[in-house]
Protein backbone atom coordinates (compact mmCIF):
# COMPACT_ATOMS: atom_id res chain seq x y z
CA MET A 1 160.01 117.69 -65.11
CA GLN A 2 158.42 121.00 -64.11
CA ASP A 3 154.97 120.68 -65.68
CA MET A 4 153.45 117.51 -64.20
CA LYS A 5 150.39 117.36 -66.45
CA PRO A 6 148.20 114.29 -65.87
CA VAL A 7 148.61 111.27 -68.13
CA ALA A 8 145.92 108.57 -68.39
CA ILE A 9 146.67 104.88 -68.87
CA CYS A 10 143.67 103.04 -70.30
CA ILE A 11 143.37 99.27 -69.91
CA PRO A 12 140.52 97.41 -71.65
CA THR A 13 140.10 93.90 -70.26
CA TYR A 14 138.09 90.73 -70.71
CA ASN A 15 138.64 87.49 -68.78
CA GLN A 16 142.30 88.15 -67.94
CA ALA A 17 142.06 88.34 -64.17
CA GLN A 18 145.34 86.45 -63.75
CA TYR A 19 147.32 89.28 -65.37
CA LEU A 20 145.64 92.33 -63.85
CA TRP A 21 148.03 92.67 -60.91
CA GLU A 22 150.89 92.81 -63.39
CA SER A 23 149.30 95.19 -65.92
CA VAL A 24 147.47 97.54 -63.55
CA GLY A 25 150.34 97.42 -61.07
CA SER A 26 152.79 98.45 -63.79
CA ALA A 27 150.56 101.38 -64.73
CA CYS A 28 150.33 102.52 -61.12
CA GLY A 29 154.06 102.06 -60.57
CA GLN A 30 155.22 104.68 -63.07
CA THR A 31 158.09 106.95 -62.10
CA TYR A 32 156.09 109.83 -63.58
CA PRO A 33 154.03 110.96 -60.59
CA ASN A 34 150.80 112.26 -62.16
CA VAL A 35 149.15 109.15 -63.65
CA GLU A 36 145.51 108.08 -63.59
CA VAL A 37 144.56 104.52 -64.55
CA TRP A 38 141.28 103.58 -66.23
CA VAL A 39 140.18 99.94 -66.48
CA SER A 40 137.12 98.92 -68.52
CA ASP A 41 135.93 95.38 -67.81
CA ASP A 42 133.97 94.06 -70.80
CA ALA A 43 131.58 91.97 -68.65
CA SER A 44 134.22 89.38 -67.77
CA THR A 45 133.02 86.00 -66.50
CA ASP A 46 136.15 85.24 -64.45
CA GLU A 47 137.46 86.77 -61.18
CA THR A 48 138.12 90.20 -62.71
CA PRO A 49 135.67 92.10 -60.41
CA GLU A 50 137.22 90.60 -57.28
CA VAL A 51 140.77 91.29 -58.43
CA MET A 52 139.90 94.85 -59.41
CA ALA A 53 138.27 95.46 -56.03
CA GLN A 54 141.61 94.61 -54.41
CA LEU A 55 143.54 96.79 -56.86
CA CYS A 56 141.22 99.75 -56.28
CA GLN A 57 141.83 99.42 -52.55
CA GLN A 58 145.59 99.42 -53.00
CA PHE A 59 145.91 102.10 -55.71
CA SER A 60 143.92 105.32 -55.36
CA GLN A 61 144.59 106.37 -58.97
CA VAL A 62 142.61 103.43 -60.41
CA ARG A 63 139.17 104.06 -61.92
CA TYR A 64 137.35 100.78 -62.61
CA TYR A 65 134.14 100.34 -64.60
CA ARG A 66 132.39 97.07 -65.39
CA GLN A 67 130.34 97.08 -68.59
CA PRO A 68 126.77 95.77 -68.06
CA LYS A 69 127.09 93.65 -71.21
CA ASN A 70 129.91 92.54 -73.48
CA LEU A 71 130.70 95.28 -76.02
CA GLY A 72 133.40 93.50 -77.98
CA MET A 73 137.05 94.35 -78.45
CA ALA A 74 136.85 97.59 -80.47
CA ALA A 75 133.86 99.07 -78.60
CA ASN A 76 135.42 98.43 -75.19
CA ASN A 77 138.61 100.10 -76.37
CA ASN A 78 136.62 103.08 -77.63
CA TRP A 79 134.72 103.44 -74.37
CA VAL A 80 137.76 103.50 -72.11
CA LEU A 81 139.78 105.81 -74.37
CA LYS A 82 136.95 108.36 -74.31
CA GLN A 83 136.85 108.61 -70.50
CA PRO A 84 139.99 110.57 -69.50
CA ASN A 85 140.24 114.33 -69.73
CA THR A 86 143.99 114.40 -70.24
CA GLU A 87 146.28 115.63 -72.99
CA PHE A 88 148.01 112.26 -73.36
CA ILE A 89 146.63 108.71 -73.12
CA VAL A 90 148.42 105.36 -72.99
CA ARG A 91 146.58 102.28 -74.25
CA LEU A 92 147.69 99.06 -72.57
CA ASP A 93 146.21 95.58 -73.01
CA SER A 94 145.45 93.83 -69.73
CA ASP A 95 147.91 90.98 -70.35
CA ASP A 96 150.83 93.36 -71.08
CA ALA A 97 152.84 95.59 -68.74
CA LEU A 98 154.75 98.87 -68.75
CA LEU A 99 158.24 99.34 -67.40
CA PRO A 100 158.40 102.04 -64.68
CA ASN A 101 159.87 104.73 -66.95
CA TYR A 102 157.42 104.29 -69.84
CA VAL A 103 155.48 107.54 -69.36
CA GLU A 104 158.50 109.52 -68.20
CA THR A 105 160.42 108.56 -71.36
CA LEU A 106 157.73 108.91 -74.03
CA LEU A 107 155.94 112.02 -72.79
CA PRO A 108 158.85 114.40 -73.62
CA LEU A 109 159.06 112.92 -77.13
CA LEU A 110 155.43 113.80 -77.84
CA GLU A 111 155.89 117.24 -76.29
CA ASN A 112 158.95 117.87 -78.47
CA HIS A 113 157.12 116.76 -81.63
CA PRO A 114 153.65 118.39 -81.65
CA GLU A 115 152.96 116.94 -85.12
CA ALA A 116 153.21 113.38 -83.72
CA GLY A 117 149.95 111.62 -82.87
CA TYR A 118 151.49 108.78 -80.89
CA ALA A 119 154.73 107.50 -79.38
CA HIS A 120 155.91 103.88 -79.20
CA SER A 121 158.98 101.93 -78.16
CA ALA A 122 160.88 98.67 -78.30
CA VAL A 123 159.33 95.93 -76.16
CA GLN A 124 160.33 92.76 -74.36
CA GLU A 125 158.29 89.75 -75.46
CA ILE A 126 157.03 87.53 -72.64
CA ASP A 127 155.16 84.23 -72.63
CA GLU A 128 152.03 83.14 -70.71
CA ARG A 129 154.13 82.70 -67.54
CA SER A 130 155.83 86.11 -67.95
CA ASN A 131 159.16 84.58 -68.96
CA ASN A 132 161.26 86.72 -71.29
CA ARG A 133 161.41 85.75 -74.96
CA ASP A 134 162.74 87.92 -77.79
CA VAL A 135 163.15 91.69 -77.88
CA ARG A 136 161.10 93.51 -80.50
CA ARG A 137 162.51 96.62 -82.18
CA ILE A 138 161.80 98.34 -85.46
CA ALA A 139 164.48 99.20 -88.01
CA ARG A 140 164.38 102.96 -87.98
CA GLN A 141 167.09 105.61 -87.88
CA HIS A 142 165.06 108.65 -86.88
CA GLU A 143 163.08 109.39 -83.74
CA PHE A 144 160.30 111.17 -85.65
CA GLN A 145 158.47 109.84 -88.71
CA SER A 146 156.25 112.16 -90.74
CA ALA A 147 152.63 111.36 -91.59
CA ASP A 148 153.42 110.82 -95.29
CA ASP A 149 156.38 108.54 -94.53
CA SER A 150 154.25 106.61 -92.03
CA LEU A 151 151.46 106.16 -94.58
CA ARG A 152 153.82 104.92 -97.28
CA ALA A 153 155.45 102.51 -94.80
CA ALA A 154 152.05 101.14 -93.71
CA VAL A 155 151.64 99.48 -97.12
CA PHE A 156 154.29 97.00 -96.00
CA GLY A 157 152.71 96.16 -92.64
CA VAL A 158 152.56 97.31 -89.05
CA LYS A 159 155.53 99.55 -88.21
CA VAL A 160 155.40 99.37 -84.43
CA ALA A 161 157.00 96.77 -82.16
CA ALA A 162 153.69 96.14 -80.35
CA ASN A 163 150.24 97.66 -79.94
CA ILE A 164 151.26 99.57 -76.81
CA ALA A 165 151.37 103.31 -77.41
CA MET A 166 151.01 106.76 -75.88
CA PHE A 167 148.54 108.89 -77.84
CA ARG A 168 148.05 112.61 -78.13
CA ALA A 169 144.43 112.69 -76.94
CA GLU A 170 143.26 115.17 -79.59
CA ALA A 171 144.29 112.75 -82.33
CA LEU A 172 141.96 109.96 -81.22
CA PRO A 173 138.60 111.59 -82.05
CA ALA A 174 140.18 112.95 -85.24
CA VAL A 175 140.54 109.34 -86.44
CA ARG A 176 137.27 108.13 -84.81
CA PHE A 177 139.09 105.96 -82.26
CA TYR A 178 138.61 102.28 -83.22
CA GLU A 179 135.20 102.76 -84.82
CA ASP A 180 134.52 100.55 -87.87
CA SER A 181 137.83 98.73 -87.37
CA PRO A 182 138.15 94.97 -87.99
CA ASP A 183 139.05 92.67 -85.08
CA PHE A 184 142.73 91.79 -84.64
CA THR A 185 143.81 94.47 -87.12
CA GLN A 186 142.23 97.44 -85.34
CA ASP A 187 145.63 98.79 -84.27
CA TYR A 188 147.02 98.53 -87.80
CA ASN A 189 143.99 100.49 -88.96
CA MET A 190 144.60 103.07 -86.22
CA TRP A 191 148.19 103.72 -87.37
CA VAL A 192 146.98 104.18 -90.96
CA ARG A 193 144.20 106.53 -89.91
CA MET A 194 146.64 108.58 -87.84
CA ALA A 195 148.92 109.05 -90.83
CA ASP A 196 146.00 109.84 -93.13
CA ALA A 197 144.84 112.52 -90.68
CA GLY A 198 148.28 114.16 -90.83
CA TYR A 199 149.83 112.82 -87.63
CA GLY A 200 153.36 111.49 -87.58
CA ASN A 201 154.81 109.37 -84.77
CA VAL A 202 157.85 109.14 -82.51
CA TYR A 203 159.80 106.01 -81.57
CA ALA A 204 162.13 105.25 -78.67
CA ASN A 205 164.53 102.37 -79.32
CA GLU A 206 164.52 101.58 -75.62
CA ILE A 207 162.64 98.65 -74.06
CA LEU A 208 159.77 100.32 -72.19
CA ALA A 209 157.09 97.62 -72.05
CA ARG A 210 156.48 93.88 -71.78
CA TYR A 211 154.34 92.40 -74.55
CA ARG A 212 152.75 88.99 -74.10
CA VAL A 213 152.92 86.48 -76.95
CA TRP A 214 150.69 83.42 -76.68
CA THR A 215 151.39 79.88 -77.80
CA ASP A 216 148.66 78.08 -79.74
CA ALA A 217 147.83 75.38 -77.19
CA LYS A 218 144.16 75.25 -78.24
CA ASN A 219 144.90 75.32 -82.00
CA LEU A 220 143.08 78.64 -82.40
CA ARG A 221 145.78 80.25 -84.54
CA PRO A 222 144.38 79.22 -87.96
CA LYS A 223 140.99 80.71 -87.08
CA ARG A 224 142.54 83.95 -85.79
CA LYS A 225 144.87 84.14 -88.79
CA ASN A 226 141.89 83.93 -91.12
CA ILE A 227 140.19 86.80 -89.27
CA GLU A 228 143.42 88.83 -89.40
CA LEU A 229 143.74 88.31 -93.15
CA GLN A 230 140.16 89.46 -93.68
CA GLY A 231 140.96 92.47 -91.49
CA CYS A 232 144.06 93.29 -93.54
CA ILE A 233 141.96 93.30 -96.70
CA ARG A 234 139.66 95.85 -95.07
CA VAL A 235 142.59 98.02 -93.93
CA PHE A 236 143.92 98.11 -97.50
CA GLU A 237 140.53 98.75 -99.10
CA ASP A 238 138.95 101.08 -96.51
CA SER A 239 141.97 103.04 -95.26
CA ILE A 240 145.24 102.74 -97.21
CA LEU A 241 143.91 102.84 -100.78
CA PRO A 242 141.56 105.84 -100.20
CA ALA A 243 144.38 107.71 -98.43
CA PHE A 244 146.71 107.21 -101.41
CA LYS A 245 144.00 108.28 -103.85
CA ARG A 246 143.26 111.46 -101.88
CA ARG A 247 146.91 112.42 -102.24
CA GLY A 248 147.13 111.51 -105.91
CA TRP A 249 149.81 108.90 -105.19
CA ASP A 250 150.49 105.94 -107.44
CA THR A 251 148.56 102.95 -106.07
CA LYS A 252 150.56 100.31 -107.96
CA VAL A 253 152.71 99.69 -104.86
CA ILE A 254 149.53 98.75 -102.97
CA GLU A 255 148.47 96.30 -105.69
CA ASN A 256 151.92 94.70 -105.72
CA GLN A 257 152.05 94.34 -101.94
CA ARG A 258 148.57 92.83 -101.77
CA ARG A 259 149.61 90.28 -104.38
CA LYS A 260 152.69 89.36 -102.34
CA LEU A 261 150.65 89.02 -99.15
CA ALA A 262 148.10 86.83 -100.91
CA LEU A 263 150.83 84.45 -102.11
CA ARG A 264 152.55 84.40 -98.72
CA HIS A 265 149.39 83.52 -96.78
CA THR A 266 147.61 81.27 -99.26
CA ALA A 267 148.19 78.19 -97.08
CA TYR A 268 145.89 79.55 -94.36
CA CYS A 269 142.97 79.43 -96.77
CA TYR A 270 143.21 75.64 -96.75
CA ARG A 271 143.72 75.06 -93.02
CA PRO A 272 140.82 74.15 -90.71
CA LEU A 273 139.26 77.16 -89.04
CA PHE A 274 137.75 75.37 -86.03
């Protein structure tokens, strides 16, 4: 690759010190040579500062900032994504990891498709102990998906294998980053906003990242599911429906899908939340 333009990898974190060596190390271990790594610590109460001090000593490309107070999930994401001055930005959760060729593989796809706002890939699911589980792929025949096709597909749910993506930096302020996005569905809202703003996306059907899936040992899933469902309602009402109306598209498909989702998830309305 002749033009080694810098690529930023942004890692928001909160109380996940035990996974930072894996996530930050994977970002620093990219085969693409011009990578800078930004870590925003949302006022963690665990050993995150000590672990990051060690990582900063070992990897010169790491830029670590500790927030003076807890900002919350979306605000911490926004802060760290606004820091780099690069053309392309990868967002990586601090309990996930990239394979060494992640940047090297996805960067050419975004360069070859200037109308794409982000690139994503198949991922390997891992558990809390980093053991492999299932492989996640999306059923898609074409590398590039247009903005209109992406928006229509979003009615039927999230069309990425995981919330690990490489963004075209100019697209992020165009969609206001994660501002006014509901917790646990902020990435879904981001994909919808990207499509509404006219950005398509590119997909590599190659496993390029490791995505952690948690078991529900503390019985928190019903509570989180309830928050997710409330977030989905907001995504439909605040993002998908207005986007369809702006284009003069028939909104009946949205009404039908919302009805199906309501029937599918009714049981969660009757489960204990705490």
